[in-house]
Amino acid sequence: MFPCSADKNAVEQINEKAEQRDEEITAETEKDAAMETDPPIEREIEEINTENAEKEIASEGPEQIRKS
């Protein structure tokens, strides 16, 4: 089908890259769709809760963390 193996290899590489990019686009699209289904207020509350939890953990000394 191909005149030489170099052409065949090049086509295979292009097809592999295209397939990888398709998978990346699908993952990005699914992530965007999931973000759109979450109400903005719930996302904001979740972000605030995460920030507060991180601050609380950071404010505890190493001794407090070991005790818990």
N, C-alpha and C. Protein backbone atom coordinates (compact mmCIF):
# COMPACT_ATOMS: atom_id res chain seq x y z
N MET A 1 0.83 -1.19 0.00
CA MET A 1 0.00 0.00 0.00
C MET A 1 0.87 1.26 0.00
N PHE A 2 1.89 1.28 0.88
CA PHE A 2 2.80 2.42 0.91
C PHE A 2 4.07 2.06 0.15
N PRO A 3 4.65 3.03 -0.56
CA PRO A 3 5.84 2.74 -1.33
C PRO A 3 7.03 2.32 -0.46
N CYS A 4 7.11 2.85 0.76
CA CYS A 4 8.22 2.44 1.62
C CYS A 4 7.78 2.46 3.08
N SER A 5 8.56 1.79 3.90
CA SER A 5 8.17 1.68 5.31
C SER A 5 8.24 3.02 6.04
N ALA A 6 9.07 3.93 5.55
CA ALA A 6 9.17 5.26 6.19
C ALA A 6 7.83 5.99 6.09
N ASP A 7 7.20 5.90 4.93
CA ASP A 7 5.89 6.53 4.75
C ASP A 7 4.87 5.89 5.69
N LYS A 8 4.93 4.57 5.79
CA LYS A 8 4.00 3.85 6.66
C LYS A 8 4.20 4.27 8.12
N ASN A 9 5.45 4.38 8.55
CA ASN A 9 5.75 4.79 9.92
C ASN A 9 5.28 6.22 10.18
N ALA A 10 5.47 7.09 9.22
CA ALA A 10 5.05 8.47 9.37
C ALA A 10 3.53 8.56 9.52
N VAL A 11 2.82 7.80 8.72
CA VAL A 11 1.36 7.79 8.79
C VAL A 11 0.90 7.24 10.14
N GLU A 12 1.55 6.19 10.61
CA GLU A 12 1.19 5.62 11.91
C GLU A 12 1.42 6.61 13.03
N GLN A 13 2.53 7.34 12.98
CA GLN A 13 2.82 8.34 14.00
C GLN A 13 1.78 9.46 13.99
N ILE A 14 1.42 9.90 12.81
CA ILE A 14 0.40 10.95 12.69
C ILE A 14 -0.93 10.46 13.25
N ASN A 15 -1.29 9.23 12.93
CA ASN A 15 -2.55 8.68 13.43
C ASN A 15 -2.53 8.55 14.96
N GLU A 16 -1.39 8.13 15.52
CA GLU A 16 -1.27 8.01 16.98
C GLU A 16 -1.41 9.37 17.64
N LYS A 17 -0.75 10.38 17.09
CA LYS A 17 -0.84 11.74 17.65
C LYS A 17 -2.27 12.26 17.55
N ALA A 18 -2.93 12.00 16.46
CA ALA A 18 -4.31 12.44 16.29
C ALA A 18 -5.22 11.75 17.30
N GLU A 19 -4.99 10.48 17.54
CA GLU A 19 -5.80 9.73 18.50
C GLU A 19 -5.56 10.27 19.92
N GLN A 20 -4.31 10.56 20.26
CA GLN A 20 -4.00 11.12 21.58
C GLN A 20 -4.69 12.47 21.76
N ARG A 21 -4.64 13.29 20.74
CA ARG A 21 -5.27 14.61 20.81
C ARG A 21 -6.78 14.47 20.95
N ASP A 22 -7.37 13.53 20.25
CA ASP A 22 -8.81 13.28 20.38
C ASP A 22 -9.16 12.90 21.81
N GLU A 23 -8.32 12.07 22.43
CA GLU A 23 -8.57 11.67 23.81
C GLU A 23 -8.44 12.86 24.75
N GLU A 24 -7.46 13.73 24.51
CA GLU A 24 -7.29 14.93 25.33
C GLU A 24 -8.50 15.86 25.20
N ILE A 25 -8.96 16.04 23.99
CA ILE A 25 -10.12 16.91 23.75
C ILE A 25 -11.35 16.33 24.43
N THR A 26 -11.53 15.02 24.35
CA THR A 26 -12.67 14.38 25.00
C THR A 26 -12.60 14.58 26.51
N ALA A 27 -11.42 14.42 27.10
CA ALA A 27 -11.26 14.60 28.54
C ALA A 27 -11.55 16.05 28.93
N GLU A 28 -11.06 17.00 28.14
CA GLU A 28 -11.32 18.42 28.42
C GLU A 28 -12.81 18.73 28.32
N THR A 29 -13.46 18.18 27.32
CA THR A 29 -14.88 18.41 27.12
C THR A 29 -15.69 17.84 28.29
N GLU A 30 -15.33 16.63 28.72
CA GLU A 30 -16.03 16.02 29.85
C GLU A 30 -15.82 16.83 31.13
N LYS A 31 -14.61 17.34 31.33
CA LYS A 31 -14.32 18.16 32.51
C LYS A 31 -15.15 19.45 32.47
N ASP A 32 -15.19 20.09 31.31
CA ASP A 32 -15.98 21.32 31.15
C ASP A 32 -17.46 21.05 31.39
N ALA A 33 -17.95 19.94 30.89
CA ALA A 33 -19.37 19.60 31.08
C ALA A 33 -19.66 19.36 32.55
N ALA A 34 -18.77 18.72 33.26
CA ALA A 34 -18.96 18.48 34.69
C ALA A 34 -18.98 19.79 35.45
N MET A 35 -18.13 20.73 35.06
CA MET A 35 -18.08 22.03 35.73
C MET A 35 -19.39 22.79 35.51
N GLU A 36 -19.96 22.66 34.33
CA GLU A 36 -21.19 23.37 34.02
C GLU A 36 -22.39 22.80 34.77
N THR A 37 -22.35 21.52 35.10
CA THR A 37 -23.49 20.92 35.79
C THR A 37 -23.50 21.25 37.27
N ASP A 38 -22.33 21.56 37.85
CA ASP A 38 -22.27 21.98 39.25
C ASP A 38 -22.76 23.42 39.34
N PRO A 39 -23.71 23.69 40.22
CA PRO A 39 -24.13 25.08 40.40
C PRO A 39 -22.94 25.91 40.87
N PRO A 40 -22.80 27.13 40.36
CA PRO A 40 -21.65 27.96 40.72
C PRO A 40 -21.51 28.18 42.22
N ILE A 41 -22.62 28.33 42.92
CA ILE A 41 -22.56 28.57 44.36
C ILE A 41 -21.95 27.36 45.08
N GLU A 42 -22.34 26.16 44.69
CA GLU A 42 -21.79 24.96 45.32
C GLU A 42 -20.29 24.86 45.07
N ARG A 43 -19.85 25.19 43.87
CA ARG A 43 -18.41 25.16 43.57
C ARG A 43 -17.67 26.17 44.44
N GLU A 44 -18.25 27.37 44.58
CA GLU A 44 -17.61 28.41 45.38
C GLU A 44 -17.53 27.98 46.85
N ILE A 45 -18.61 27.40 47.36
CA ILE A 45 -18.62 26.93 48.75
C ILE A 45 -17.56 25.84 48.93
N GLU A 46 -17.47 24.93 47.98
CA GLU A 46 -16.47 23.86 48.06
C GLU A 46 -15.06 24.44 48.07
N GLU A 47 -14.81 25.44 47.22
CA GLU A 47 -13.49 26.07 47.19
C GLU A 47 -13.17 26.75 48.51
N ILE A 48 -14.15 27.44 49.08
CA ILE A 48 -13.94 28.13 50.37
C ILE A 48 -13.67 27.11 51.47
N ASN A 49 -14.45 26.03 51.49
CA ASN A 49 -14.25 24.99 52.50
C ASN A 49 -12.86 24.37 52.39
N THR A 50 -12.41 24.16 51.16
CA THR A 50 -11.08 23.60 50.95
C THR A 50 -10.01 24.56 51.44
N GLU A 51 -10.17 25.84 51.12
CA GLU A 51 -9.20 26.85 51.57
C GLU A 51 -9.17 26.92 53.09
N ASN A 52 -10.35 26.91 53.71
CA ASN A 52 -10.41 26.98 55.17
C ASN A 52 -9.76 25.77 55.81
N ALA A 53 -9.99 24.59 55.24
CA ALA A 53 -9.38 23.38 55.78
C ALA A 53 -7.86 23.44 55.64
N GLU A 54 -7.38 23.95 54.51
CA GLU A 54 -5.94 24.07 54.31
C GLU A 54 -5.34 25.06 55.30
N LYS A 55 -6.02 26.18 55.55
CA LYS A 55 -5.54 27.17 56.51
C LYS A 55 -5.50 26.57 57.92
N GLU A 56 -6.54 25.82 58.27
CA GLU A 56 -6.61 25.21 59.59
C GLU A 56 -5.46 24.21 59.79
N ILE A 57 -5.22 23.41 58.78
CA ILE A 57 -4.12 22.44 58.87
C ILE A 57 -2.78 23.17 58.97
N ALA A 58 -2.63 24.23 58.19
CA ALA A 58 -1.38 24.99 58.20
C ALA A 58 -1.16 25.68 59.54
N SER A 59 -2.24 26.12 60.19
CA SER A 59 -2.10 26.83 61.46
C SER A 59 -1.80 25.89 62.62
N GLU A 60 -2.13 24.62 62.48
CA GLU A 60 -1.80 23.65 63.51
C GLU A 60 -0.32 23.34 63.44
N GLY A 61 0.28 23.26 64.59
CA GLY A 61 1.69 22.91 64.63
C GLY A 61 1.87 21.43 64.33
N PRO A 62 3.10 21.03 64.07
CA PRO A 62 3.37 19.62 63.79
C PRO A 62 2.93 18.71 64.94
N GLU A 63 3.03 19.22 66.19
CA GLU A 63 2.62 18.41 67.34
C GLU A 63 1.12 18.14 67.32
N GLN A 64 0.33 19.14 66.94
CA GLN A 64 -1.12 18.97 66.89
C GLN A 64 -1.50 17.95 65.81
N ILE A 65 -0.82 18.00 64.71
CA ILE A 65 -1.13 17.09 63.61
C ILE A 65 -0.80 15.66 64.03
N ARG A 66 0.32 15.47 64.74
CA ARG A 66 0.70 14.13 65.18
C ARG A 66 -0.30 13.56 66.18
N LYS A 67 -0.87 14.42 67.05
CA LYS A 67 -1.81 13.97 68.07
C LYS A 67 -3.12 13.48 67.46
N SER A 68 -3.52 14.08 66.33
CA SER A 68 -4.80 13.70 65.74
C SER A 68 -4.72 12.52 64.85
